[in-house]
Amino acid sequence: MSRIQGQVAIVGVGATPYYPRGRSVPQTITELAGRAIIAACEDAGLSVKDIDGFAYYSGASAGYGDTMDTATFMETLGIPEVTFSAALTSGGGGSAGSIGLARAAILAGDATVVVTVMALQQSRQRLGSVFAAAPPNPINSFLQPSGLSGPGHLMSVLTRRHMHLYGTRREAFAEIAMSQRENAANRETALKRDPMTLDDYFNARMIAEPLCLYDFCLETDGAVAVITTSMDKARDLRQKPVPVIAAAHGGSRDWGRAFAWMGMPDETFASSGHAPVAKHLYKRAGVTPADIDVALLYDHFSPMVLMQLEDYGFCEKGEGGEFVESGAIRYKGGSIPVNTHGGQLSEAYIIGMTHIREAVEQLRGTAVNQVADAELALVTGGPASLPVSGLILGRDG
């Protein structure tokens, strides 16, 4: 175990209700984020006045259209002083890495109680059409005339390449969607809890071939906040601490600008871009894929779950389809339970933060679909753009 492993822990998680797209109004982004922060402090047994650090991601944006501002939070929540405030780049690719950013601030002595928050509100602009709405630039001028107007259109190109190279079938994507819907069925926070059959999946409307409605994450509003502090302080607080074992944030130039980039080598193109991050993450944690008890994999699109299973070593490259179709990711009977809360496909899409919430609940032993004796949870962030991130959390004691 490295010197810094286990010295920092997550001690509080809070969230607003999750809303279908646009239905969080008339609340503001600041209101949504503030409610989540207050709830996280209450969960930890802390006052908001104890917060002295903010660790954001996605450049401190809130859903690629709005922004979050530390000074505004200080004024609205009554935080007297902040000694650390920073944001990682990339979109959802920084969600898991933001906990690593908080840990770095605490280990450096720059802050003692750090909050990470993401809020999302889609009343003015759907994330599904962000490329079409963006002003022309050298990248968009290639994408927009090609009909690649949203993330799903871009993802469909990578998905088709994976199917071409490795014989991956749509049945594998259906299994991801169905298994996560099953996990959401008994989770009260989930927006989609109705059962899904294979016929339901194949009868769903096609959005960006080969991706249908159920391959896309939900379009939701809401906020989730996480409180991180030193383990010494954590042991005096309300909840069982969840140690931060390792974090990694980065990527290879070969994956370029993520799935908006068409200049990747073939093998890299049909991937999640996580393989280099996985290598660093496992090395820093001193573990292997076989040690992971539950995986919370970023699932803005179902094929990205499959590709991350490959990149994180749960199966070989190109074998993700067969691995998934075998039932390996099922909560009941699978070898590696995946997205036990329903994920972004069935619970809610808050740009990666619901996965951190679920990992904390699993390691506290309070999850709705509790994995027995879970000791290590893998959480991934992105890809939305490079860098992407990974996080390994542990069970205290």
Protein backbone atom coordinates (compact mmCIF):
# COMPACT_ATOMS: atom_id res chain seq x y z
CA MET A 1 0.00 0.00 0.00
CA SER A 2 1.35 3.42 -0.93
CA ARG A 3 1.89 6.16 1.61
CA ILE A 4 -1.20 8.12 0.60
CA GLN A 5 -3.69 5.29 0.21
CA GLY A 6 -6.54 5.57 2.67
CA GLN A 7 -5.49 8.97 4.06
CA VAL A 8 -8.52 10.69 2.51
CA ALA A 9 -12.13 9.53 2.54
CA ILE A 10 -15.57 10.41 1.25
CA VAL A 11 -17.75 11.24 4.24
CA GLY A 12 -20.92 12.73 2.77
CA VAL A 13 -23.12 12.41 -0.30
CA GLY A 14 -26.19 14.48 -1.06
CA ALA A 15 -28.55 14.83 -4.00
CA THR A 16 -31.66 16.60 -5.15
CA PRO A 17 -34.49 14.55 -6.61
CA TYR A 18 -33.84 13.62 -10.22
CA TYR A 19 -36.16 15.31 -12.71
CA PRO A 20 -37.01 14.57 -16.34
CA ARG A 21 -35.34 17.09 -18.63
CA GLY A 22 -36.43 20.67 -17.97
CA ARG A 23 -38.73 19.91 -15.04
CA SER A 24 -36.46 21.27 -12.31
CA VAL A 25 -37.51 24.84 -13.10
CA PRO A 26 -38.15 27.34 -11.54
CA GLN A 27 -35.16 26.25 -9.44
CA THR A 28 -31.84 27.63 -10.65
CA ILE A 29 -28.56 25.82 -11.15
CA THR A 30 -27.23 27.44 -7.97
CA GLU A 31 -30.31 26.32 -6.07
CA LEU A 32 -29.99 22.72 -7.27
CA ALA A 33 -26.28 22.56 -6.47
CA GLY A 34 -26.79 24.28 -3.11
CA ARG A 35 -29.47 21.78 -2.08
CA ALA A 36 -27.16 18.90 -2.93
CA ILE A 37 -24.26 20.45 -0.99
CA ILE A 38 -26.42 21.02 2.09
CA ALA A 39 -27.67 17.42 1.89
CA ALA A 40 -24.09 16.12 1.63
CA CYS A 41 -23.06 18.12 4.70
CA GLU A 42 -26.04 16.78 6.64
CA ASP A 43 -25.13 13.25 5.59
CA ALA A 44 -21.60 13.77 6.91
CA GLY A 45 -22.62 15.57 10.09
CA LEU A 46 -20.88 18.76 9.03
CA SER A 47 -21.94 22.38 8.69
CA VAL A 48 -21.64 24.06 5.31
CA LYS A 49 -19.39 26.51 7.15
CA ASP A 50 -16.85 23.69 7.49
CA ILE A 51 -16.33 23.63 3.72
CA ASP A 52 -13.08 25.29 2.69
CA GLY A 53 -12.49 23.75 -0.73
CA PHE A 54 -14.21 23.11 -4.05
CA ALA A 55 -13.02 20.50 -6.57
CA TYR A 56 -15.00 20.74 -9.80
CA TYR A 57 -14.76 19.03 -13.16
CA SER A 58 -15.95 19.86 -16.67
CA GLY A 59 -14.26 23.24 -16.20
CA ALA A 60 -16.78 24.05 -13.42
CA SER A 61 -19.57 23.98 -15.97
CA ALA A 62 -23.01 22.65 -15.13
CA GLY A 63 -24.21 20.55 -18.01
CA TYR A 64 -22.05 22.13 -20.75
CA GLY A 65 -24.25 25.22 -20.82
CA ASP A 66 -24.35 26.74 -17.33
CA THR A 67 -21.56 27.46 -14.87
CA MET A 68 -20.94 27.03 -11.17
CA ASP A 69 -19.08 29.67 -9.18
CA THR A 70 -17.37 29.29 -5.81
CA ALA A 71 -18.01 32.89 -4.80
CA THR A 72 -21.72 32.44 -5.46
CA PHE A 73 -21.81 29.30 -3.31
CA MET A 74 -19.96 31.13 -0.52
CA GLU A 75 -22.52 33.93 -0.58
CA THR A 76 -25.62 31.78 -0.86
CA LEU A 77 -24.54 29.07 1.62
CA GLY A 78 -22.71 31.24 4.14
CA ILE A 79 -19.26 29.67 3.71
CA PRO A 80 -16.87 32.10 5.44
CA GLU A 81 -13.59 31.29 3.65
CA VAL A 82 -12.30 29.00 0.92
CA THR A 83 -8.64 28.04 0.68
CA PHE A 84 -8.84 25.87 -2.44
CA SER A 85 -10.93 26.04 -5.62
CA ALA A 86 -10.01 24.27 -8.86
CA ALA A 87 -11.60 22.45 -11.79
CA LEU A 88 -10.51 19.61 -14.03
CA THR A 89 -10.92 19.86 -17.77
CA SER A 90 -13.15 17.68 -19.97
CA GLY A 91 -16.84 16.96 -19.47
CA GLY A 92 -18.01 13.83 -17.70
CA GLY A 93 -14.50 12.48 -18.22
CA GLY A 94 -13.48 14.30 -15.05
CA SER A 95 -16.24 13.08 -12.73
CA ALA A 96 -14.26 10.30 -11.05
CA GLY A 97 -11.06 12.34 -11.28
CA SER A 98 -12.59 15.22 -9.36
CA ILE A 99 -12.40 13.13 -6.20
CA GLY A 100 -8.69 12.72 -6.91
CA LEU A 101 -8.45 16.50 -7.22
CA ALA A 102 -10.11 16.89 -3.82
CA ARG A 103 -7.76 14.32 -2.33
CA ALA A 104 -4.73 16.14 -3.73
CA ALA A 105 -5.85 19.39 -2.10
CA ILE A 106 -6.34 17.70 1.27
CA LEU A 107 -3.01 15.84 1.15
CA ALA A 108 -1.22 19.07 0.22
CA GLY A 109 -2.77 20.86 3.18
CA ASP A 110 -4.57 23.32 0.93
CA ALA A 111 -8.02 22.46 2.31
CA THR A 112 -9.62 20.28 4.98
CA VAL A 113 -13.20 19.73 3.79
CA VAL A 114 -13.69 19.70 0.01
CA VAL A 115 -16.94 19.48 -1.92
CA THR A 116 -17.37 18.19 -5.46
CA VAL A 117 -20.69 19.04 -7.08
CA MET A 118 -22.39 18.67 -10.45
CA ALA A 119 -25.72 20.22 -11.35
CA LEU A 120 -27.59 19.76 -14.60
CA GLN A 121 -30.59 21.60 -16.01
CA GLN A 122 -31.74 21.17 -19.61
CA SER A 123 -34.56 23.68 -19.86
CA ARG A 124 -32.80 25.80 -22.49
CA GLN A 125 -30.61 23.32 -24.36
CA ARG A 126 -30.67 19.54 -24.66
CA LEU A 127 -27.28 17.91 -24.31
CA GLY A 128 -28.28 15.62 -27.16
CA SER A 129 -27.95 18.47 -29.66
CA VAL A 130 -24.94 20.35 -28.32
CA PHE A 131 -22.83 19.96 -31.45
CA ALA A 132 -25.60 21.22 -33.71
CA ALA A 133 -26.05 24.26 -31.47
CA ALA A 134 -22.34 25.06 -31.19
CA PRO A 135 -20.82 27.80 -33.35
CA PRO A 136 -18.66 26.61 -36.27
CA ASN A 137 -15.00 25.88 -35.61
CA PRO A 138 -12.47 23.59 -37.35
CA ILE A 139 -13.93 20.51 -35.63
CA ASN A 140 -17.63 21.38 -35.80
CA SER A 141 -17.29 22.39 -39.43
CA PHE A 142 -16.47 18.75 -40.15
CA LEU A 143 -19.06 17.22 -37.81
CA GLN A 144 -22.14 19.34 -38.49
CA PRO A 145 -22.39 18.92 -42.29
CA SER A 146 -21.91 15.16 -41.77
CA GLY A 147 -25.07 14.98 -39.66
CA LEU A 148 -23.10 14.37 -36.47
CA SER A 149 -25.18 16.84 -34.48
CA GLY A 150 -25.01 15.25 -31.03
CA PRO A 151 -22.92 12.88 -28.90
CA GLY A 152 -25.11 9.92 -29.88
CA HIS A 153 -24.36 10.36 -33.58
CA LEU A 154 -20.64 10.38 -32.83
CA MET A 155 -20.95 7.33 -30.58
CA SER A 156 -22.76 5.42 -33.31
CA VAL A 157 -19.67 5.62 -35.53
CA LEU A 158 -17.41 4.08 -32.86
CA THR A 159 -20.03 1.46 -32.10
CA ARG A 160 -20.34 0.39 -35.73
CA ARG A 161 -16.55 0.09 -35.95
CA HIS A 162 -16.47 -2.19 -32.87
CA MET A 163 -19.18 -4.35 -34.43
CA HIS A 164 -17.23 -4.52 -37.70
CA LEU A 165 -13.90 -5.41 -36.09
CA TYR A 166 -15.06 -7.88 -33.47
CA GLY A 167 -18.48 -9.16 -34.49
CA THR A 168 -20.19 -7.41 -31.59
CA ARG A 169 -23.98 -7.77 -31.71
CA ARG A 170 -26.78 -5.44 -30.72
CA GLU A 171 -27.86 -8.17 -28.30
CA ALA A 172 -24.89 -7.17 -26.14
CA PHE A 173 -26.08 -3.57 -25.97
CA ALA A 174 -29.58 -4.85 -25.18
CA GLU A 175 -28.18 -6.88 -22.27
CA ILE A 176 -26.52 -3.78 -20.84
CA ALA A 177 -29.74 -1.78 -21.08
CA MET A 178 -31.89 -4.59 -19.67
CA SER A 179 -29.59 -5.45 -16.77
CA GLN A 180 -29.36 -1.83 -15.68
CA ARG A 181 -33.12 -1.40 -15.95
CA GLU A 182 -33.50 -4.45 -13.71
CA ASN A 183 -31.15 -2.85 -11.19
CA ALA A 184 -33.23 0.35 -11.23
CA ALA A 185 -36.52 -1.46 -10.61
CA ASN A 186 -36.29 -1.29 -6.79
CA ARG A 187 -34.39 2.01 -6.54
CA GLU A 188 -36.77 4.79 -5.56
CA THR A 189 -34.55 7.51 -7.01
CA ALA A 190 -34.60 5.95 -10.49
CA LEU A 191 -36.64 7.65 -13.20
CA LYS A 192 -37.08 4.48 -15.27
CA ARG A 193 -38.17 1.41 -13.29
CA ASP A 194 -40.47 -0.44 -15.68
CA PRO A 195 -39.19 -3.85 -16.81
CA MET A 196 -37.49 -4.02 -20.21
CA THR A 197 -37.53 -7.10 -22.42
CA LEU A 198 -35.45 -7.98 -25.44
CA ASP A 199 -38.49 -7.26 -27.62
CA ASP A 200 -38.86 -3.84 -25.97
CA TYR A 201 -35.25 -3.08 -26.85
CA PHE A 202 -35.45 -4.18 -30.49
CA ASN A 203 -38.81 -2.49 -31.03
CA ALA A 204 -37.53 0.86 -29.73
CA ARG A 205 -37.06 3.62 -32.28
CA MET A 206 -33.66 3.96 -33.88
CA ILE A 207 -31.92 7.26 -33.13
CA ALA A 208 -28.42 6.89 -34.57
CA GLU A 209 -28.02 3.47 -36.14
CA PRO A 210 -27.08 1.04 -34.59
CA LEU A 211 -28.09 2.89 -31.41
CA CYS A 212 -31.74 2.91 -30.40
CA LEU A 213 -33.59 4.80 -27.70
CA TYR A 214 -32.48 2.46 -24.91
CA ASP A 215 -28.79 2.79 -25.80
CA PHE A 216 -28.94 6.47 -24.81
CA CYS A 217 -28.68 7.80 -21.27
CA LEU A 218 -31.66 9.61 -19.79
CA GLU A 219 -32.08 13.36 -20.21
CA THR A 220 -32.42 14.61 -16.66
CA ASP A 221 -32.04 17.56 -14.30
CA GLY A 222 -30.69 17.50 -10.76
CA ALA A 223 -27.55 17.75 -8.67
CA VAL A 224 -25.24 15.50 -6.65
CA ALA A 225 -22.53 16.61 -4.20
CA VAL A 226 -19.76 14.67 -2.45
CA ILE A 227 -17.77 15.71 0.63
CA THR A 228 -14.16 14.57 1.04
CA THR A 229 -11.87 15.05 4.03
CA SER A 230 -8.87 13.50 5.79
CA MET A 231 -9.31 10.07 7.36
CA ASP A 232 -8.33 11.51 10.76
CA LYS A 233 -11.25 13.92 10.59
CA ALA A 234 -13.53 11.38 8.93
CA ARG A 235 -13.47 9.00 11.89
CA ASP A 236 -15.17 11.63 14.06
CA LEU A 237 -18.06 12.21 11.67
CA ARG A 238 -21.52 10.69 11.25
CA GLN A 239 -21.00 8.17 8.47
CA LYS A 240 -18.68 5.27 7.95
CA PRO A 241 -15.82 6.75 5.87
CA VAL A 242 -15.13 5.46 2.37
CA PRO A 243 -11.37 5.64 1.75
CA VAL A 244 -10.08 6.94 -1.59
CA ILE A 245 -7.63 4.23 -2.63
CA ALA A 246 -6.50 5.59 -6.00
CA ALA A 247 -7.49 8.04 -8.72
CA ALA A 248 -6.27 8.66 -12.25
CA HIS A 249 -7.11 11.29 -14.84
CA GLY A 250 -5.61 11.43 -18.30
CA GLY A 251 -5.42 9.56 -21.58
CA SER A 252 -3.45 8.80 -24.71
CA ARG A 253 -3.02 11.16 -27.63
CA ASP A 254 -4.06 8.28 -29.91
CA TRP A 255 -7.63 8.69 -28.67
CA GLY A 256 -7.45 12.34 -29.64
CA ARG A 257 -10.49 14.45 -28.89
CA ALA A 258 -12.50 11.43 -27.80
CA PHE A 259 -15.35 10.28 -29.99
CA ALA A 260 -15.53 13.63 -31.78
CA TRP A 261 -12.19 12.75 -33.37
CA MET A 262 -11.94 10.56 -36.44
CA GLY A 263 -8.15 10.37 -36.71
CA MET A 264 -7.51 7.53 -34.24
CA PRO A 265 -5.68 4.26 -34.96
CA ASP A 266 -8.23 1.52 -35.66
CA GLU A 267 -7.84 -0.42 -32.42
CA THR A 268 -8.02 2.77 -30.36
CA PHE A 269 -11.00 4.08 -32.32
CA ALA A 270 -13.25 1.22 -31.21
CA SER A 271 -12.52 1.77 -27.52
CA SER A 272 -13.51 3.91 -24.56
CA GLY A 273 -10.09 5.58 -24.36
CA HIS A 274 -9.69 4.31 -20.79
CA ALA A 275 -6.94 1.69 -21.24
CA PRO A 276 -4.01 3.98 -20.26
CA VAL A 277 -5.95 5.35 -17.27
CA ALA A 278 -6.83 1.81 -16.14
CA LYS A 279 -3.16 0.85 -16.18
CA HIS A 280 -2.17 3.77 -13.95
CA LEU A 281 -5.17 3.33 -11.66
CA TYR A 282 -4.54 -0.34 -10.92
CA LYS A 283 -0.83 0.30 -10.37
CA ARG A 284 -1.52 3.11 -7.91
CA ALA A 285 -4.08 1.02 -6.05
CA GLY A 286 -1.95 -2.13 -6.11
CA VAL A 287 -4.89 -4.23 -7.36
CA THR A 288 -6.04 -6.07 -10.46
CA PRO A 289 -9.45 -6.29 -12.17
CA ALA A 290 -10.07 -9.52 -10.24
CA ASP A 291 -10.03 -7.53 -6.97
CA ILE A 292 -12.89 -5.22 -7.99
CA ASP A 293 -16.23 -6.17 -6.42
CA VAL A 294 -18.54 -3.71 -8.16
CA ALA A 295 -18.02 -1.48 -11.19
CA LEU A 296 -19.80 1.83 -11.77
CA LEU A 297 -19.00 2.47 -15.41
CA TYR A 298 -19.87 5.71 -17.18
CA ASP A 299 -22.82 4.84 -19.38
CA HIS A 300 -23.94 7.80 -21.44
CA PHE A 301 -24.29 5.16 -24.18
CA SER A 302 -24.52 1.41 -23.71
CA PRO A 303 -21.57 0.52 -26.01
CA MET A 304 -19.27 2.55 -23.78
CA VAL A 305 -19.97 0.13 -20.92
CA LEU A 306 -18.86 -2.75 -23.13
CA MET A 307 -15.72 -0.95 -24.29
CA GLN A 308 -14.77 0.02 -20.72
CA LEU A 309 -15.10 -3.59 -19.60
CA GLU A 310 -12.41 -4.35 -22.17
CA ASP A 311 -10.22 -1.37 -21.33
CA TYR A 312 -10.34 -2.09 -17.58
CA GLY A 313 -9.37 -5.72 -18.12
CA PHE A 314 -12.55 -7.53 -17.16
CA CYS A 315 -12.35 -9.27 -20.53
CA GLU A 316 -10.00 -9.23 -23.50
CA LYS A 317 -10.12 -6.61 -26.23
CA GLY A 318 -12.86 -7.48 -28.70
CA GLU A 319 -14.54 -9.96 -26.34
CA GLY A 320 -16.80 -7.46 -24.61
CA GLY A 321 -19.86 -8.54 -26.56
CA GLU A 322 -19.60 -12.19 -25.59
CA PHE A 323 -18.69 -11.25 -22.01
CA VAL A 324 -21.77 -9.10 -21.60
CA GLU A 325 -24.10 -11.56 -23.33
CA SER A 326 -22.94 -14.27 -20.91
CA GLY A 327 -24.63 -12.41 -18.04
CA ALA A 328 -21.31 -11.43 -16.46
CA ILE A 329 -22.42 -7.90 -15.52
CA ARG A 330 -25.68 -8.91 -13.83
CA TYR A 331 -26.17 -7.94 -10.19
CA LYS A 332 -27.53 -11.42 -9.52
CA GLY A 333 -25.20 -14.13 -10.76
CA GLY A 334 -22.68 -12.00 -12.62
CA SER A 335 -18.92 -12.08 -12.09
CA ILE A 336 -18.65 -8.28 -11.95
CA PRO A 337 -21.89 -6.44 -11.07
CA VAL A 338 -22.11 -3.24 -13.14
CA ASN A 339 -24.12 -0.09 -12.40
CA THR A 340 -26.13 -1.62 -9.59
CA HIS A 341 -28.16 1.58 -9.24
CA GLY A 342 -29.44 1.52 -12.81
CA GLY A 343 -26.80 3.89 -14.09
CA GLN A 344 -27.33 6.81 -16.40
CA LEU A 345 -29.40 4.60 -18.69
CA SER A 346 -32.17 4.01 -16.13
CA GLU A 347 -31.64 5.97 -12.89
CA ALA A 348 -30.54 9.46 -13.95
CA TYR A 349 -27.82 11.26 -15.87
CA ILE A 350 -25.99 13.81 -13.71
CA ILE A 351 -22.77 13.59 -15.73
CA GLY A 352 -21.18 10.81 -13.69
CA MET A 353 -21.97 11.80 -10.11
CA THR A 354 -24.68 9.18 -9.55
CA HIS A 355 -21.98 6.54 -9.94
CA ILE A 356 -19.91 8.00 -7.10
CA ARG A 357 -23.03 8.10 -4.94
CA GLU A 358 -23.71 4.43 -5.62
CA ALA A 359 -20.09 3.43 -4.94
CA VAL A 360 -20.24 5.13 -1.54
CA GLU A 361 -23.49 3.35 -0.68
CA GLN A 362 -22.03 0.00 -1.74
CA LEU A 363 -18.97 0.45 0.48
CA ARG A 364 -21.03 1.68 3.42
CA GLY A 365 -23.15 -1.43 3.01
CA THR A 366 -26.36 0.55 2.48
CA ALA A 367 -26.97 0.10 -1.27
CA VAL A 368 -30.38 -0.98 -2.51
CA ASN A 369 -28.76 -3.74 -4.58
CA GLN A 370 -25.96 -4.46 -2.14
CA VAL A 371 -23.04 -6.55 -3.40
CA ALA A 372 -22.17 -8.90 -0.56
CA ASP A 373 -18.89 -8.09 1.22
CA ALA A 374 -17.97 -5.39 -1.31
CA GLU A 375 -14.51 -4.06 -0.46
CA LEU A 376 -13.43 -2.27 -3.65
CA ALA A 377 -15.50 -0.26 -6.12
CA LEU A 378 -14.33 1.02 -9.49
CA VAL A 379 -15.86 4.28 -10.71
CA THR A 380 -15.14 5.69 -14.15
CA GLY A 381 -15.59 9.15 -15.59
CA GLY A 382 -16.38 9.75 -19.23
CA PRO A 383 -15.55 9.57 -22.00
CA ALA A 384 -17.06 12.82 -23.08
CA SER A 385 -13.71 14.20 -24.08
CA LEU A 386 -10.14 13.58 -23.01
CA PRO A 387 -8.93 13.37 -20.33
CA VAL A 388 -10.99 10.52 -18.87
CA SER A 389 -10.75 9.30 -15.28
CA GLY A 390 -10.98 6.35 -12.94
CA LEU A 391 -11.39 6.02 -9.20
CA ILE A 392 -11.07 3.13 -6.77
CA LEU A 393 -12.85 3.44 -3.44
CA GLY A 394 -12.52 1.03 -0.54
CA ARG A 395 -14.38 -0.19 2.52
CA ASP A 396 -13.09 1.12 5.82
CA GLY A 397 -11.69 -1.49 8.16
